[in-house]
């Protein structure tokens, strides 16, 4: 469990780099407070080790509800091996659990295969300090993109997206391969991400492994 707690902490560090969030507080008791400042998601409470220490979930719920500002002012994200128990707990605490399923996944970057893009597309990769951004284009228009934040030996993938009209053509795989290559060149060894249902098949096909379910909830008052 300790290893997963550390993995969630490291994921959050890269996620914040990707999103440009500079204000993150560690309460030193299992909760990371991310001041995202976004209109629809101003504050995120990332709970570490929610299964062995469910009291942390209760405290995060209290913090989220105390934020004020109405529904969605405070959000909670946690990794779990017992999704149903965590959902029940959050609902009993008065939070609204998001229905979309997500998973915490990881890989040793050396294990992800290198892939080539179909010749009709072009790949462009940019480095912005510790953030790698890759775009696949066709006739100058972006049809797929993604980013990867490098923090120490970790590479955290984020916002891997493909235009629906160009899916099932290997674009997501090629973008991921380009990101991993660039991250490895910067010294990263381990990849971390949170996958949605749309991305799960892609990442599994590339060798990424599910570590835990992710449960996300928001305040209602």
Protein backbone atom coordinates (compact mmCIF):
# COMPACT_ATOMS: atom_id res chain seq x y z
CA UNK A 1 0.00 0.00 0.00
CA UNK A 2 2.86 2.35 0.80
CA UNK A 3 4.17 1.98 -2.74
CA UNK A 4 0.80 2.98 -4.19
CA UNK A 5 0.59 5.96 -1.85
CA UNK A 6 3.93 7.13 -3.17
CA UNK A 7 2.82 6.46 -6.76
CA UNK A 8 -0.26 8.66 -6.29
CA UNK A 9 1.93 11.38 -4.82
CA UNK A 10 4.26 11.19 -7.80
CA UNK A 11 1.37 11.18 -10.26
CA UNK A 12 0.02 14.35 -8.67
CA UNK A 13 3.41 16.05 -8.94
CA UNK A 14 3.55 15.43 -12.69
CA UNK A 15 -0.13 16.25 -13.18
CA UNK A 16 0.42 19.65 -11.59
CA UNK A 17 3.39 20.32 -13.87
CA UNK A 18 1.28 19.41 -16.90
CA UNK A 19 -1.58 21.69 -15.86
CA UNK A 20 0.60 24.54 -14.63
CA UNK A 21 -0.61 24.32 -11.03
CA UNK A 22 2.06 25.71 -8.71
CA UNK A 23 0.16 25.81 -5.40
CA UNK A 24 0.08 22.37 -3.79
CA UNK A 25 -0.06 21.90 -0.02
CA UNK A 26 0.82 18.68 1.78
CA UNK A 27 -1.02 18.48 5.10
CA UNK A 28 1.50 15.83 6.20
CA UNK A 29 -1.33 13.47 7.09
CA UNK A 30 -2.27 11.88 3.79
CA UNK A 31 -3.97 14.66 1.86
CA UNK A 32 -2.54 16.81 -0.93
CA UNK A 33 -4.40 20.06 -1.47
CA UNK A 34 -4.13 21.27 -5.06
CA UNK A 35 -5.21 24.85 -5.72
CA UNK A 36 -6.14 24.39 -9.36
CA UNK A 37 -7.99 27.68 -9.60
CA UNK A 38 -10.20 26.46 -12.42
CA UNK A 39 -13.75 27.75 -12.47
CA UNK A 40 -15.30 24.28 -12.53
CA UNK A 41 -12.67 22.68 -10.27
CA UNK A 42 -10.98 25.24 -8.00
CA UNK A 43 -9.59 22.87 -5.36
CA UNK A 44 -8.64 19.18 -5.53
CA UNK A 45 -8.01 17.03 -2.47
CA UNK A 46 -5.87 14.03 -3.39
CA UNK A 47 -6.21 11.33 -0.73
CA UNK A 48 -3.24 9.02 -0.16
CA UNK A 49 -3.90 5.45 1.05
CA UNK A 50 -7.67 5.78 1.26
CA UNK A 51 -8.27 2.03 1.87
CA UNK A 52 -6.07 1.50 4.93
CA UNK A 53 -6.88 4.92 6.36
CA UNK A 54 -10.49 5.73 5.43
CA UNK A 55 -10.50 8.50 8.02
CA UNK A 56 -8.48 10.50 5.51
CA UNK A 57 -11.42 10.31 3.11
CA UNK A 58 -13.72 11.64 5.82
CA UNK A 59 -11.39 14.54 6.52
CA UNK A 60 -11.02 15.34 2.81
CA UNK A 61 -14.81 15.35 2.49
CA UNK A 62 -15.05 17.82 5.35
CA UNK A 63 -12.47 20.06 3.69
CA UNK A 64 -14.19 19.84 0.29
CA UNK A 65 -17.59 20.66 1.76
CA UNK A 66 -16.17 23.54 3.78
CA UNK A 67 -14.83 25.21 0.64
CA UNK A 68 -18.24 26.76 -0.04
CA UNK A 69 -19.13 28.13 -3.44
CA UNK A 70 -21.70 25.45 -4.24
CA UNK A 71 -21.50 22.17 -6.10
CA UNK A 72 -18.04 21.32 -7.39
CA UNK A 73 -16.07 23.88 -5.38
CA UNK A 74 -14.13 21.05 -3.74
CA UNK A 75 -13.13 17.81 -5.45
CA UNK A 76 -11.66 14.57 -4.10
CA UNK A 77 -9.51 12.07 -6.02
CA UNK A 78 -8.37 8.77 -4.53
CA UNK A 79 -6.92 5.42 -5.61
CA UNK A 80 -8.51 2.25 -4.23
CA UNK A 81 -8.69 -1.53 -4.35
CA UNK A 82 -12.24 -1.39 -2.99
CA UNK A 83 -14.12 0.97 -5.27
CA UNK A 84 -17.59 0.13 -3.99
CA UNK A 85 -16.62 0.78 -0.37
CA UNK A 86 -15.05 4.12 -1.21
CA UNK A 87 -18.05 5.16 -3.33
CA UNK A 88 -20.42 4.25 -0.50
CA UNK A 89 -18.28 6.15 1.98
CA UNK A 90 -18.15 9.29 -0.17
CA UNK A 91 -21.87 9.22 -0.81
CA UNK A 92 -22.58 8.74 2.90
CA UNK A 93 -20.42 11.81 3.51
CA UNK A 94 -22.65 13.83 1.19
CA UNK A 95 -20.43 14.01 -1.90
CA UNK A 96 -21.45 13.41 -5.49
CA UNK A 97 -19.37 10.59 -7.00
CA UNK A 98 -18.52 10.89 -10.67
CA UNK A 99 -19.84 7.99 -12.74
CA UNK A 100 -17.00 7.86 -15.27
CA UNK A 101 -14.53 5.08 -14.48
CA UNK A 102 -10.79 5.85 -14.28
CA UNK A 103 -7.70 3.79 -13.45
CA UNK A 104 -4.21 4.48 -12.13
CA UNK A 105 -1.70 2.88 -14.50
CA UNK A 106 2.08 2.60 -14.73
CA UNK A 107 4.87 1.16 -16.88
CA UNK A 108 8.62 1.00 -17.07
CA UNK A 109 9.23 3.24 -20.07
CA UNK A 110 11.72 0.80 -21.57
CA UNK A 111 8.86 -1.70 -21.92
CA UNK A 112 6.64 0.45 -24.13
CA UNK A 113 7.12 -0.39 -27.83
CA UNK A 114 8.40 2.17 -30.31
CA UNK A 115 5.85 2.82 -33.04
CA UNK A 116 5.87 4.68 -36.32
CA UNK A 117 3.18 6.98 -37.63
CA UNK A 118 1.43 6.45 -40.94
CA UNK A 119 3.14 8.51 -43.65
CA UNK A 120 0.07 10.69 -44.22
CA UNK A 121 0.58 12.21 -40.75
CA UNK A 122 3.46 14.16 -39.22
CA UNK A 123 4.63 14.28 -35.61
CA UNK A 124 5.88 17.42 -33.86
CA UNK A 125 7.39 17.33 -30.38
CA UNK A 126 8.22 20.38 -28.26
CA UNK A 127 9.99 20.71 -24.92
CA UNK A 128 8.86 23.35 -22.43
CA UNK A 129 11.13 22.99 -19.39
CA UNK A 130 9.93 19.68 -17.85
CA UNK A 131 6.87 19.35 -20.09
CA UNK A 132 6.89 17.44 -23.38
CA UNK A 133 4.11 18.16 -25.88
CA UNK A 134 3.58 16.02 -29.00
CA UNK A 135 1.13 16.75 -31.80
CA UNK A 136 0.19 14.64 -34.82
CA UNK A 137 -0.89 16.72 -37.78
CA UNK A 138 -2.43 16.17 -41.17
CA UNK A 139 -2.23 18.98 -43.75
CA UNK A 140 -1.13 21.30 -40.96
CA UNK A 141 -4.11 20.58 -38.69
CA UNK A 142 -3.70 18.88 -35.30
CA UNK A 143 -5.57 15.55 -35.19
CA UNK A 144 -3.98 14.01 -32.09
CA UNK A 145 -1.93 15.32 -29.19
CA UNK A 146 -0.63 14.58 -25.74
CA UNK A 147 1.75 15.75 -23.07
CA UNK A 148 4.10 14.22 -20.55
CA UNK A 149 5.57 15.94 -17.51
CA UNK A 150 8.98 14.74 -16.34
CA UNK A 151 9.63 14.95 -12.60
CA UNK A 152 12.83 13.18 -11.61
CA UNK A 153 12.59 9.64 -13.01
CA UNK A 154 8.81 9.83 -13.45
CA UNK A 155 6.97 10.70 -16.66
CA UNK A 156 3.30 11.55 -16.14
CA UNK A 157 1.12 11.38 -19.26
CA UNK A 158 -1.81 13.77 -19.58
CA UNK A 159 -4.40 14.93 -22.10
CA UNK A 160 -3.84 12.22 -24.68
CA UNK A 161 -6.51 13.06 -27.25
CA UNK A 162 -7.37 12.12 -30.84
CA UNK A 163 -9.95 13.70 -33.10
CA UNK A 164 -12.85 11.21 -33.42
CA UNK A 165 -12.57 11.34 -37.22
CA UNK A 166 -8.98 10.07 -37.02
CA UNK A 167 -9.27 7.35 -34.39
CA UNK A 168 -8.23 3.71 -34.92
CA UNK A 169 -5.30 4.78 -37.08
CA UNK A 170 -2.55 4.36 -34.51
CA UNK A 171 -2.29 8.06 -33.73
CA UNK A 172 -2.64 7.69 -29.96
CA UNK A 173 0.00 4.95 -29.93
CA UNK A 174 2.38 7.05 -32.02
CA UNK A 175 1.90 10.09 -29.82
CA UNK A 176 2.56 8.01 -26.71
CA UNK A 177 5.66 6.47 -28.28
CA UNK A 178 7.02 9.91 -29.14
CA UNK A 179 6.34 11.20 -25.62
CA UNK A 180 8.01 8.19 -24.02
CA UNK A 181 11.06 8.51 -26.25
CA UNK A 182 11.47 12.18 -25.33
CA UNK A 183 10.86 11.50 -21.62
CA UNK A 184 13.43 8.70 -21.57
CA UNK A 185 15.94 11.06 -23.18
CA UNK A 186 15.38 13.40 -20.22
CA UNK A 187 16.14 10.60 -17.77
CA UNK A 188 12.64 9.34 -16.96
CA UNK A 189 12.28 5.63 -16.29
CA UNK A 190 8.71 5.10 -15.05
CA UNK A 191 5.45 6.21 -16.64
CA UNK A 192 2.35 7.08 -14.61
CA UNK A 193 -1.12 8.14 -15.73
CA UNK A 194 -4.80 8.08 -14.94
CA UNK A 195 -6.77 6.45 -17.74
CA UNK A 196 -10.38 6.98 -18.70
CA UNK A 197 -12.48 4.24 -20.26
CA UNK A 198 -11.60 5.67 -23.68
CA UNK A 199 -7.86 5.41 -23.04
CA UNK A 200 -7.72 2.12 -21.15
CA UNK A 201 -7.54 -0.11 -24.24
CA UNK A 202 -4.83 2.06 -25.81
CA UNK A 203 -2.59 2.05 -22.74
CA UNK A 204 -3.04 -1.67 -22.14
CA UNK A 205 -2.06 -2.37 -25.74
CA UNK A 206 1.17 -0.46 -25.07
CA UNK A 207 1.99 -2.49 -21.96
CA UNK A 208 0.72 -0.18 -19.22
CA UNK A 209 -0.65 -1.99 -16.14
CA UNK A 210 -3.58 -1.07 -13.90
CA UNK A 211 -2.52 -0.43 -10.30
CA UNK A 212 -5.81 0.72 -8.78
CA UNK A 213 -9.24 2.11 -9.47
CA UNK A 214 -9.63 5.88 -9.27
CA UNK A 215 -12.69 7.38 -7.61
CA UNK A 216 -13.50 11.06 -8.05
CA UNK A 217 -16.17 13.01 -6.18
CA UNK A 218 -17.21 16.62 -5.71
CA UNK A 219 -18.87 18.67 -3.03
CA UNK A 220 -22.58 19.36 -3.27
CA UNK A 221 -22.84 22.33 -0.88
